[in-house]
Amino acid sequence: RRSAKAEDAPGHQADFHACEDMNQAALDVADRAQPGDVIITV
């Protein structure tokens, strides 16, 4: 993600996180979500 090959589209900035523990990652995503957001498990 930090390399030149993975640049964001102009005007768009994506936040990336890494978490080995899948369950903890799910809780973290839910905690960051706000009304109106969409969460996609992929």
PDB file of all heavy atoms in Angstrom:
ATOM      1  N   ARG A   1       0.823  -1.206   0.000  1.00  0.00           N
ATOM      2  CA  ARG A   1       0.000   0.000   0.000  1.00  0.00           C
ATOM      3  C   ARG A   1       0.862   1.262   0.000  1.00  0.00           C
ATOM      4  O   ARG A   1       0.504   2.287  -0.578  1.00  0.00           O
ATOM      5  CB  ARG A   1      -0.917  -0.044   1.237  1.00  0.00           C
ATOM      6  CG  ARG A   1      -1.648   1.249   1.554  1.00  0.00           C
ATOM      7  CD  ARG A   1      -2.749   1.504   0.530  1.00  0.00           C
ATOM      8  NE  ARG A   1      -3.436   2.743   0.820  1.00  0.00           N
ATOM      9  CZ  ARG A   1      -2.985   3.947   0.506  1.00  0.00           C
ATOM     10  NH1 ARG A   1      -1.827   4.068  -0.095  1.00  0.00           N
ATOM     11  NH2 ARG A   1      -3.702   5.020   0.780  1.00  0.00           N
ATOM     12  N   ARG A   2       1.994   1.172   0.669  1.00  0.00           N
ATOM     13  CA  ARG A   2       2.859   2.331   0.769  1.00  0.00           C
ATOM     14  C   ARG A   2       3.741   2.525  -0.457  1.00  0.00           C
ATOM     15  O   ARG A   2       4.445   3.518  -0.574  1.00  0.00           O
ATOM     16  CB  ARG A   2       3.728   2.206   2.028  1.00  0.00           C
ATOM     17  CG  ARG A   2       2.928   2.330   3.327  1.00  0.00           C
ATOM     18  CD  ARG A   2       3.847   2.436   4.525  1.00  0.00           C
ATOM     19  NE  ARG A   2       4.476   1.160   4.838  1.00  0.00           N
ATOM     20  CZ  ARG A   2       3.983   0.275   5.701  1.00  0.00           C
ATOM     21  NH1 ARG A   2       2.833   0.541   6.336  1.00  0.00           N
ATOM     22  NH2 ARG A   2       4.603  -0.852   5.937  1.00  0.00           N
ATOM     23  N   SER A   3       3.732   1.558  -1.365  1.00  0.00           N
ATOM     24  CA  SER A   3       4.582   1.655  -2.545  1.00  0.00           C
ATOM     25  C   SER A   3       3.918   2.506  -3.614  1.00  0.00           C
ATOM     26  O   SER A   3       2.717   2.789  -3.572  1.00  0.00           O
ATOM     27  CB  SER A   3       4.861   0.260  -3.112  1.00  0.00           C
ATOM     28  OG  SER A   3       3.712  -0.259  -3.756  1.00  0.00           O
ATOM     29  N   ALA A   4       4.698   2.892  -4.593  1.00  0.00           N
ATOM     30  CA  ALA A   4       4.193   3.760  -5.663  1.00  0.00           C
ATOM     31  C   ALA A   4       3.119   3.071  -6.494  1.00  0.00           C
ATOM     32  O   ALA A   4       2.292   3.739  -7.119  1.00  0.00           O
ATOM     33  CB  ALA A   4       5.349   4.192  -6.567  1.00  0.00           C
ATOM     34  N   LYS A   5       3.100   1.735  -6.495  1.00  0.00           N
ATOM     35  CA  LYS A   5       2.137   1.007  -7.316  1.00  0.00           C
ATOM     36  C   LYS A   5       0.740   1.002  -6.709  1.00  0.00           C
ATOM     37  O   LYS A   5      -0.212   0.565  -7.341  1.00  0.00           O
ATOM     38  CB  LYS A   5       2.603  -0.445  -7.503  1.00  0.00           C
ATOM     39  CG  LYS A   5       3.896  -0.575  -8.297  1.00  0.00           C
ATOM     40  CD  LYS A   5       4.282  -2.041  -8.429  1.00  0.00           C
ATOM     41  CE  LYS A   5       5.579  -2.191  -9.210  1.00  0.00           C
ATOM     42  NZ  LYS A   5       5.994  -3.613  -9.314  1.00  0.00           N
ATOM     43  N   ALA A   6       0.600   1.448  -5.478  1.00  0.00           N
ATOM     44  CA  ALA A   6      -0.705   1.378  -4.804  1.00  0.00           C
ATOM     45  C   ALA A   6      -1.183   2.766  -4.406  1.00  0.00           C
ATOM     46  O   ALA A   6      -1.742   2.956  -3.335  1.00  0.00           O
ATOM     47  CB  ALA A   6      -0.612   0.472  -3.581  1.00  0.00           C
ATOM     48  N   GLU A   7      -0.959   3.739  -5.261  1.00  0.00           N
ATOM     49  CA  GLU A   7      -1.377   5.098  -4.958  1.00  0.00           C
ATOM     50  C   GLU A   7      -2.891   5.225  -5.014  1.00  0.00           C
ATOM     51  O   GLU A   7      -3.559   4.574  -5.801  1.00  0.00           O
ATOM     52  CB  GLU A   7      -0.742   6.075  -5.946  1.00  0.00           C
ATOM     53  CG  GLU A   7       0.780   6.174  -5.802  1.00  0.00           C
ATOM     54  CD  GLU A   7       1.364   7.146  -6.809  1.00  0.00           C
ATOM     55  OE1 GLU A   7       0.604   7.593  -7.684  1.00  0.00           O
ATOM     56  OE2 GLU A   7       2.562   7.433  -6.711  1.00  0.00           O
ATOM     57  N   ASP A   8      -3.434   6.106  -4.194  1.00  0.00           N
ATOM     58  CA  ASP A   8      -4.873   6.373  -4.215  1.00  0.00           C
ATOM     59  C   ASP A   8      -5.266   7.103  -5.485  1.00  0.00           C
ATOM     60  O   ASP A   8      -4.442   7.763  -6.132  1.00  0.00           O
ATOM     61  CB  ASP A   8      -5.261   7.261  -3.032  1.00  0.00           C
ATOM     62  CG  ASP A   8      -5.358   6.463  -1.745  1.00  0.00           C
ATOM     63  OD1 ASP A   8      -5.670   5.274  -1.827  1.00  0.00           O
ATOM     64  OD2 ASP A   8      -5.136   7.056  -0.675  1.00  0.00           O
ATOM     65  N   ALA A   9      -6.523   6.974  -5.840  1.00  0.00           N
ATOM     66  CA  ALA A   9      -7.063   7.804  -6.912  1.00  0.00           C
ATOM     67  C   ALA A   9      -7.038   9.256  -6.455  1.00  0.00           C
ATOM     68  O   ALA A   9      -7.102   9.540  -5.259  1.00  0.00           O
ATOM     69  CB  ALA A   9      -8.486   7.367  -7.231  1.00  0.00           C
ATOM     70  N   PRO A  10      -6.921  10.208  -7.393  1.00  0.00           N
ATOM     71  CA  PRO A  10      -6.876  11.625  -7.020  1.00  0.00           C
ATOM     72  C   PRO A  10      -8.068  12.008  -6.149  1.00  0.00           C
ATOM     73  O   PRO A  10      -9.212  11.660  -6.440  1.00  0.00           O
ATOM     74  CB  PRO A  10      -6.921  12.335  -8.379  1.00  0.00           C
ATOM     75  CG  PRO A  10      -6.361  11.341  -9.344  1.00  0.00           C
ATOM     76  CD  PRO A  10      -6.807  10.005  -8.841  1.00  0.00           C
ATOM     77  N   GLY A  11      -7.780  12.712  -5.054  1.00  0.00           N
ATOM     78  CA  GLY A  11      -8.855  13.194  -4.195  1.00  0.00           C
ATOM     79  C   GLY A  11      -9.401  12.163  -3.239  1.00  0.00           C
ATOM     80  O   GLY A  11     -10.360  12.428  -2.514  1.00  0.00           O
ATOM     81  N   HIS A  12      -8.813  10.973  -3.218  1.00  0.00           N
ATOM     82  CA  HIS A  12      -9.330   9.915  -2.333  1.00  0.00           C
ATOM     83  C   HIS A  12      -8.207   9.396  -1.455  1.00  0.00           C
ATOM     84  O   HIS A  12      -7.105   9.144  -1.934  1.00  0.00           O
ATOM     85  CB  HIS A  12      -9.922   8.770  -3.157  1.00  0.00           C
ATOM     86  CG  HIS A  12     -10.422   7.622  -2.311  1.00  0.00           C
ATOM     87  ND1 HIS A  12     -11.584   7.703  -1.587  1.00  0.00           N
ATOM     88  CD2 HIS A  12      -9.902   6.397  -2.058  1.00  0.00           C
ATOM     89  CE1 HIS A  12     -11.774   6.567  -0.932  1.00  0.00           C
ATOM     90  NE2 HIS A  12     -10.770   5.761  -1.207  1.00  0.00           N
ATOM     91  N   GLN A  13      -8.476   9.237  -0.188  1.00  0.00           N
ATOM     92  CA  GLN A  13      -7.476   8.739   0.753  1.00  0.00           C
ATOM     93  C   GLN A  13      -8.082   7.599   1.551  1.00  0.00           C
ATOM     94  O   GLN A  13      -9.088   7.763   2.236  1.00  0.00           O
ATOM     95  CB  GLN A  13      -7.045   9.856   1.704  1.00  0.00           C
ATOM     96  CG  GLN A  13      -5.963   9.455   2.687  1.00  0.00           C
ATOM     97  CD  GLN A  13      -4.625   9.187   2.018  1.00  0.00           C
ATOM     98  OE1 GLN A  13      -4.270   9.885   1.076  1.00  0.00           O
ATOM     99  NE2 GLN A  13      -3.910   8.188   2.493  1.00  0.00           N
ATOM    100  N   ALA A  14      -7.490   6.416   1.448  1.00  0.00           N
ATOM    101  CA  ALA A  14      -7.977   5.252   2.177  1.00  0.00           C
ATOM    102  C   ALA A  14      -7.075   4.979   3.377  1.00  0.00           C
ATOM    103  O   ALA A  14      -5.852   5.057   3.276  1.00  0.00           O
ATOM    104  CB  ALA A  14      -8.014   4.029   1.261  1.00  0.00           C
ATOM    105  N   ASP A  15      -7.675   4.671   4.520  1.00  0.00           N
ATOM    106  CA  ASP A  15      -6.926   4.310   5.723  1.00  0.00           C
ATOM    107  C   ASP A  15      -6.780   2.797   5.783  1.00  0.00           C
ATOM    108  O   ASP A  15      -7.773   2.058   5.663  1.00  0.00           O
ATOM    109  CB  ASP A  15      -7.660   4.797   6.976  1.00  0.00           C
ATOM    110  CG  ASP A  15      -7.684   6.311   7.077  1.00  0.00           C
ATOM    111  OD1 ASP A  15      -6.700   6.948   6.659  1.00  0.00           O
ATOM    112  OD2 ASP A  15      -8.697   6.856   7.567  1.00  0.00           O
ATOM    113  N   PHE A  16      -5.554   2.326   5.957  1.00  0.00           N
ATOM    114  CA  PHE A  16      -5.275   0.890   6.022  1.00  0.00           C
ATOM    115  C   PHE A  16      -4.824   0.497   7.420  1.00  0.00           C
ATOM    116  O   PHE A  16      -4.072   1.221   8.075  1.00  0.00           O
ATOM    117  CB  PHE A  16      -4.182   0.508   5.019  1.00  0.00           C
ATOM    118  CG  PHE A  16      -4.683   0.198   3.633  1.00  0.00           C
ATOM    119  CD1 PHE A  16      -5.309   1.173   2.873  1.00  0.00           C
ATOM    120  CD2 PHE A  16      -4.525  -1.073   3.091  1.00  0.00           C
ATOM    121  CE1 PHE A  16      -5.760   0.892   1.596  1.00  0.00           C
ATOM    122  CE2 PHE A  16      -4.980  -1.359   1.815  1.00  0.00           C
ATOM    123  CZ  PHE A  16      -5.603  -0.382   1.056  1.00  0.00           C
ATOM    124  N   HIS A  17      -5.285  -0.681   7.862  1.00  0.00           N
ATOM    125  CA  HIS A  17      -4.897  -1.240   9.149  1.00  0.00           C
ATOM    126  C   HIS A  17      -4.595  -2.726   8.946  1.00  0.00           C
ATOM    127  O   HIS A  17      -5.113  -3.357   8.021  1.00  0.00           O
ATOM    128  CB  HIS A  17      -6.026  -1.107  10.175  1.00  0.00           C
ATOM    129  CG  HIS A  17      -6.705   0.228  10.184  1.00  0.00           C
ATOM    130  ND1 HIS A  17      -6.318   1.261  10.995  1.00  0.00           N
ATOM    131  CD2 HIS A  17      -7.758   0.707   9.451  1.00  0.00           C
ATOM    132  CE1 HIS A  17      -7.085   2.311  10.778  1.00  0.00           C
ATOM    133  NE2 HIS A  17      -7.974   2.001   9.859  1.00  0.00           N
ATOM    134  N   ALA A  18      -3.774  -3.274   9.826  1.00  0.00           N
ATOM    135  CA  ALA A  18      -3.498  -4.716   9.810  1.00  0.00           C
ATOM    136  C   ALA A  18      -3.742  -5.257  11.205  1.00  0.00           C
ATOM    137  O   ALA A  18      -3.345  -4.643  12.202  1.00  0.00           O
ATOM    138  CB  ALA A  18      -2.069  -4.994   9.376  1.00  0.00           C
ATOM    139  N   CYS A  19      -4.403  -6.407  11.273  1.00  0.00           N
ATOM    140  CA  CYS A  19      -4.685  -7.033  12.568  1.00  0.00           C
ATOM    141  C   CYS A  19      -4.750  -8.539  12.352  1.00  0.00           C
ATOM    142  O   CYS A  19      -5.654  -9.039  11.672  1.00  0.00           O
ATOM    143  CB  CYS A  19      -5.992  -6.511  13.153  1.00  0.00           C
ATOM    144  SG  CYS A  19      -6.390  -7.195  14.775  1.00  0.00           S
ATOM    145  N   GLU A  20      -3.798  -9.259  12.889  1.00  0.00           N
ATOM    146  CA  GLU A  20      -3.728 -10.704  12.696  1.00  0.00           C
ATOM    147  C   GLU A  20      -4.975 -11.403  13.249  1.00  0.00           C
ATOM    148  O   GLU A  20      -5.507 -12.330  12.636  1.00  0.00           O
ATOM    149  CB  GLU A  20      -2.477 -11.255  13.375  1.00  0.00           C
ATOM    150  CG  GLU A  20      -2.284 -12.750  13.205  1.00  0.00           C
ATOM    151  CD  GLU A  20      -1.895 -13.154  11.793  1.00  0.00           C
ATOM    152  OE1 GLU A  20      -1.167 -12.389  11.137  1.00  0.00           O
ATOM    153  OE2 GLU A  20      -2.326 -14.249  11.351  1.00  0.00           O
ATOM    154  N   ASP A  21      -5.447 -10.956  14.397  1.00  0.00           N
ATOM    155  CA  ASP A  21      -6.605 -11.569  15.059  1.00  0.00           C
ATOM    156  C   ASP A  21      -7.891 -11.106  14.373  1.00  0.00           C
ATOM    157  O   ASP A  21      -8.291  -9.952  14.496  1.00  0.00           O
ATOM    158  CB  ASP A  21      -6.618 -11.173  16.537  1.00  0.00           C
ATOM    159  CG  ASP A  21      -7.702 -11.892  17.330  1.00  0.00           C
ATOM    160  OD1 ASP A  21      -8.860 -11.925  16.865  1.00  0.00           O
ATOM    161  OD2 ASP A  21      -7.389 -12.412  18.407  1.00  0.00           O
ATOM    162  N   MET A  22      -8.546 -12.021  13.683  1.00  0.00           N
ATOM    163  CA  MET A  22      -9.728 -11.683  12.899  1.00  0.00           C
ATOM    164  C   MET A  22     -10.872 -11.189  13.775  1.00  0.00           C
ATOM    165  O   MET A  22     -11.584 -10.240  13.411  1.00  0.00           O
ATOM    166  CB  MET A  22     -10.173 -12.908  12.093  1.00  0.00           C
ATOM    167  CG  MET A  22     -11.329 -12.687  11.157  1.00  0.00           C
ATOM    168  SD  MET A  22     -11.584 -14.136  10.094  1.00  0.00           S
ATOM    169  CE  MET A  22     -12.015 -15.388  11.300  1.00  0.00           C
ATOM    170  N   ASN A  23     -11.049 -11.798  14.920  1.00  0.00           N
ATOM    171  CA  ASN A  23     -12.140 -11.391  15.809  1.00  0.00           C
ATOM    172  C   ASN A  23     -11.925  -9.967  16.315  1.00  0.00           C
ATOM    173  O   ASN A  23     -12.854  -9.153  16.337  1.00  0.00           O
ATOM    174  CB  ASN A  23     -12.250 -12.365  16.980  1.00  0.00           C
ATOM    175  CG  ASN A  23     -13.539 -12.190  17.763  1.00  0.00           C
ATOM    176  OD1 ASN A  23     -14.588 -12.672  17.361  1.00  0.00           O
ATOM    177  ND2 ASN A  23     -13.456 -11.501  18.894  1.00  0.00           N
ATOM    178  N   GLN A  24     -10.694  -9.656  16.731  1.00  0.00           N
ATOM    179  CA  GLN A  24     -10.396  -8.309  17.195  1.00  0.00           C
ATOM    180  C   GLN A  24     -10.554  -7.299  16.063  1.00  0.00           C
ATOM    181  O   GLN A  24     -11.054  -6.191  16.267  1.00  0.00           O
ATOM    182  CB  GLN A  24      -8.967  -8.242  17.752  1.00  0.00           C
ATOM    183  CG  GLN A  24      -8.614  -6.889  18.363  1.00  0.00           C
ATOM    184  CD  GLN A  24      -9.531  -6.512  19.510  1.00  0.00           C
ATOM    185  OE1 GLN A  24      -9.714  -7.295  20.453  1.00  0.00           O
ATOM    186  NE2 GLN A  24     -10.131  -5.319  19.445  1.00  0.00           N
ATOM    187  N   ALA A  25     -10.141  -7.702  14.862  1.00  0.00           N
ATOM    188  CA  ALA A  25     -10.282  -6.809  13.704  1.00  0.00           C
ATOM    189  C   ALA A  25     -11.739  -6.485  13.454  1.00  0.00           C
ATOM    190  O   ALA A  25     -12.092  -5.332  13.147  1.00  0.00           O
ATOM    191  CB  ALA A  25      -9.664  -7.460  12.462  1.00  0.00           C
ATOM    192  N   ALA A  26     -12.616  -7.481  13.603  1.00  0.00           N
ATOM    193  CA  ALA A  26     -14.048  -7.256  13.392  1.00  0.00           C
ATOM    194  C   ALA A  26     -14.600  -6.275  14.421  1.00  0.00           C
ATOM    195  O   ALA A  26     -15.393  -5.379  14.092  1.00  0.00           O
ATOM    196  CB  ALA A  26     -14.794  -8.590  13.464  1.00  0.00           C
ATOM    197  N   LEU A  27     -14.179  -6.430  15.671  1.00  0.00           N
ATOM    198  CA  LEU A  27     -14.642  -5.517  16.717  1.00  0.00           C
ATOM    199  C   LEU A  27     -14.153  -4.095  16.451  1.00  0.00           C
ATOM    200  O   LEU A  27     -14.903  -3.118  16.634  1.00  0.00           O
ATOM    201  CB  LEU A  27     -14.144  -5.994  18.085  1.00  0.00           C
ATOM    202  CG  LEU A  27     -14.691  -7.355  18.560  1.00  0.00           C
ATOM    203  CD1 LEU A  27     -14.003  -7.766  19.861  1.00  0.00           C
ATOM    204  CD2 LEU A  27     -16.202  -7.309  18.741  1.00  0.00           C
ATOM    205  N   ASP A  28     -12.897  -3.982  16.001  1.00  0.00           N
ATOM    206  CA  ASP A  28     -12.342  -2.658  15.726  1.00  0.00           C
ATOM    207  C   ASP A  28     -13.102  -1.946  14.608  1.00  0.00           C
ATOM    208  O   ASP A  28     -13.391  -0.750  14.684  1.00  0.00           O
ATOM    209  CB  ASP A  28     -10.872  -2.770  15.350  1.00  0.00           C
ATOM    210  CG  ASP A  28      -9.992  -3.198  16.518  1.00  0.00           C
ATOM    211  OD1 ASP A  28     -10.467  -3.131  17.661  1.00  0.00           O
ATOM    212  OD2 ASP A  28      -8.839  -3.619  16.267  1.00  0.00           O
ATOM    213  N   VAL A  29     -13.420  -2.700  13.538  1.00  0.00           N
ATOM    214  CA  VAL A  29     -14.155  -2.104  12.416  1.00  0.00           C
ATOM    215  C   VAL A  29     -15.539  -1.649  12.878  1.00  0.00           C
ATOM    216  O   VAL A  29     -16.002  -0.550  12.535  1.00  0.00           O
ATOM    217  CB  VAL A  29     -14.274  -3.099  11.240  1.00  0.00           C
ATOM    218  CG1 VAL A  29     -15.219  -2.572  10.179  1.00  0.00           C
ATOM    219  CG2 VAL A  29     -12.904  -3.368  10.635  1.00  0.00           C
ATOM    220  N   ALA A  30     -16.208  -2.484  13.659  1.00  0.00           N
ATOM    221  CA  ALA A  30     -17.548  -2.121  14.160  1.00  0.00           C
ATOM    222  C   ALA A  30     -17.477  -0.874  15.035  1.00  0.00           C
ATOM    223  O   ALA A  30     -18.354   0.003  14.963  1.00  0.00           O
ATOM    224  CB  ALA A  30     -18.142  -3.292  14.936  1.00  0.00           C
ATOM    225  N   ASP A  31     -16.414  -0.768  15.848  1.00  0.00           N
ATOM    226  CA  ASP A  31     -16.289   0.384  16.749  1.00  0.00           C
ATOM    227  C   ASP A  31     -16.027   1.680  15.979  1.00  0.00           C
ATOM    228  O   ASP A  31     -16.426   2.763  16.433  1.00  0.00           O
ATOM    229  CB  ASP A  31     -15.158   0.139  17.750  1.00  0.00           C
ATOM    230  CG  ASP A  31     -15.530  -0.900  18.797  1.00  0.00           C
ATOM    231  OD1 ASP A  31     -16.734  -1.195  18.941  1.00  0.00           O
ATOM    232  OD2 ASP A  31     -14.612  -1.432  19.461  1.00  0.00           O
ATOM    233  N   ARG A  32     -15.355   1.579  14.828  1.00  0.00           N
ATOM    234  CA  ARG A  32     -15.075   2.787  14.044  1.00  0.00           C
ATOM    235  C   ARG A  32     -16.282   3.228  13.213  1.00  0.00           C
ATOM    236  O   ARG A  32     -16.347   4.371  12.763  1.00  0.00           O
ATOM    237  CB  ARG A  32     -13.881   2.560  13.108  1.00  0.00           C
ATOM    238  CG  ARG A  32     -12.540   2.494  13.806  1.00  0.00           C
ATOM    239  CD  ARG A  32     -11.388   2.674  12.822  1.00  0.00           C
ATOM    240  NE  ARG A  32     -11.314   1.617  11.825  1.00  0.00           N
ATOM    241  CZ  ARG A  32     -10.666   0.464  11.981  1.00  0.00           C
ATOM    242  NH1 ARG A  32     -10.034   0.226  13.128  1.00  0.00           N
ATOM    243  NH2 ARG A  32     -10.631  -0.437  11.023  1.00  0.00           N
ATOM    244  N   ALA A  33     -17.210   2.317  12.978  1.00  0.00           N
ATOM    245  CA  ALA A  33     -18.331   2.615  12.086  1.00  0.00           C
ATOM    246  C   ALA A  33     -19.278   3.642  12.694  1.00  0.00           C
ATOM    247  O   ALA A  33     -19.533   3.649  13.896  1.00  0.00           O
ATOM    248  CB  ALA A  33     -19.088   1.331  11.760  1.00  0.00           C
ATOM    249  N   GLN A  34     -19.803   4.494  11.812  1.00  0.00           N
ATOM    250  CA  GLN A  34     -20.762   5.522  12.198  1.00  0.00           C
ATOM    251  C   GLN A  34     -22.079   5.292  11.433  1.00  0.00           C
ATOM    252  O   GLN A  34     -22.082   4.640  10.388  1.00  0.00           O
ATOM    253  CB  GLN A  34     -20.207   6.910  11.869  1.00  0.00           C
ATOM    254  CG  GLN A  34     -18.911   7.241  12.588  1.00  0.00           C
ATOM    255  CD  GLN A  34     -19.074   7.261  14.093  1.00  0.00           C
ATOM    256  OE1 GLN A  34     -20.054   7.826  14.613  1.00  0.00           O
ATOM    257  NE2 GLN A  34     -18.143   6.624  14.808  1.00  0.00           N
ATOM    258  N   PRO A  35     -23.193   5.798  11.943  1.00  0.00           N
ATOM    259  CA  PRO A  35     -24.463   5.648  11.211  1.00  0.00           C
ATOM    260  C   PRO A  35     -24.316   6.115   9.769  1.00  0.00           C
ATOM    261  O   PRO A  35     -23.749   7.179   9.497  1.00  0.00           O
ATOM    262  CB  PRO A  35     -25.422   6.539  12.008  1.00  0.00           C
ATOM    263  CG  PRO A  35     -24.875   6.525  13.393  1.00  0.00           C
ATOM    264  CD  PRO A  35     -23.374   6.515  13.227  1.00  0.00           C
ATOM    265  N   GLY A  36     -24.815   5.316   8.858  1.00  0.00           N
ATOM    266  CA  GLY A  36     -24.705   5.612   7.433  1.00  0.00           C
ATOM    267  C   GLY A  36     -23.570   4.869   6.758  1.00  0.00           C
ATOM    268  O   GLY A  36     -23.518   4.783   5.526  1.00  0.00           O
ATOM    269  N   ASP A  37     -22.626   4.303   7.546  1.00  0.00           N
ATOM    270  CA  ASP A  37     -21.489   3.584   6.966  1.00  0.00           C
ATOM    271  C   ASP A  37     -21.914   2.209   6.449  1.00  0.00           C
ATOM    272  O   ASP A  37     -22.945   1.651   6.848  1.00  0.00           O
ATOM    273  CB  ASP A  37     -20.385   3.391   8.005  1.00  0.00           C
ATOM    274  CG  ASP A  37     -19.674   4.684   8.363  1.00  0.00           C
ATOM    275  OD1 ASP A  37     -20.047   5.736   7.807  1.00  0.00           O
ATOM    276  OD2 ASP A  37     -18.759   4.639   9.213  1.00  0.00           O
ATOM    277  N   VAL A  38     -21.080   1.656   5.572  1.00  0.00           N
ATOM    278  CA  VAL A  38     -21.254   0.296   5.056  1.00  0.00           C
ATOM    279  C   VAL A  38     -19.998  -0.500   5.411  1.00  0.00           C
ATOM    280  O   VAL A  38     -18.881  -0.071   5.107  1.00  0.00           O
ATOM    281  CB  VAL A  38     -21.460   0.285   3.532  1.00  0.00           C
ATOM    282  CG1 VAL A  38     -21.575  -1.151   3.019  1.00  0.00           C
ATOM    283  CG2 VAL A  38     -22.693   1.090   3.149  1.00  0.00           C
ATOM    284  N   ILE A  39     -20.173  -1.636   6.068  1.00  0.00           N
ATOM    285  CA  ILE A  39     -19.059  -2.546   6.366  1.00  0.00           C
ATOM    286  C   ILE A  39     -19.190  -3.757   5.451  1.00  0.00           C
ATOM    287  O   ILE A  39     -20.268  -4.347   5.345  1.00  0.00           O
ATOM    288  CB  ILE A  39     -19.077  -3.002   7.832  1.00  0.00           C
ATOM    289  CG1 ILE A  39     -18.908  -1.811   8.774  1.00  0.00           C
ATOM    290  CG2 ILE A  39     -17.975  -4.027   8.092  1.00  0.00           C
ATOM    291  CD1 ILE A  39     -19.031  -2.177  10.249  1.00  0.00           C
ATOM    292  N   ILE A  40     -18.088  -4.140   4.801  1.00  0.00           N
ATOM    293  CA  ILE A  40     -18.105  -5.309   3.923  1.00  0.00           C
ATOM    294  C   ILE A  40     -17.053  -6.302   4.410  1.00  0.00           C
ATOM    295  O   ILE A  40     -15.869  -5.972   4.479  1.00  0.00           O
ATOM    296  CB  ILE A  40     -17.817  -4.944   2.456  1.00  0.00           C
ATOM    297  CG1 ILE A  40     -18.688  -3.767   2.008  1.00  0.00           C
ATOM    298  CG2 ILE A  40     -18.062  -6.155   1.556  1.00  0.00           C
ATOM    299  CD1 ILE A  40     -18.429  -3.332   0.567  1.00  0.00           C
ATOM    300  N   THR A  41     -17.481  -7.508   4.783  1.00  0.00           N
ATOM    301  CA  THR A  41     -16.547  -8.589   5.088  1.00  0.00           C
ATOM    302  C   THR A  41     -16.209  -9.283   3.775  1.00  0.00           C
ATOM    303  O   THR A  41     -17.107  -9.683   3.026  1.00  0.00           O
ATOM    304  CB  THR A  41     -17.145  -9.584   6.093  1.00  0.00           C
ATOM    305  OG1 THR A  41     -18.434 -10.018   5.630  1.00  0.00           O
ATOM    306  CG2 THR A  41     -17.323  -8.936   7.447  1.00  0.00           C
ATOM    307  N   VAL A  42     -14.920  -9.432   3.492  1.00  0.00           N
ATOM    308  CA  VAL A  42     -14.472  -9.856   2.164  1.00  0.00           C
ATOM    309  C   VAL A  42     -13.450 -10.982   2.286  1.00  0.00           C
ATOM    310  O   VAL A  42     -12.497 -10.888   3.058  1.00  0.00           O
ATOM    311  CB  VAL A  42     -13.835  -8.666   1.404  1.00  0.00           C
ATOM    312  CG1 VAL A  42     -13.390  -9.096   0.005  1.00  0.00           C
ATOM    313  CG2 VAL A  42     -14.815  -7.500   1.301  1.00  0.00           C
TER     314      VAL A  42
END
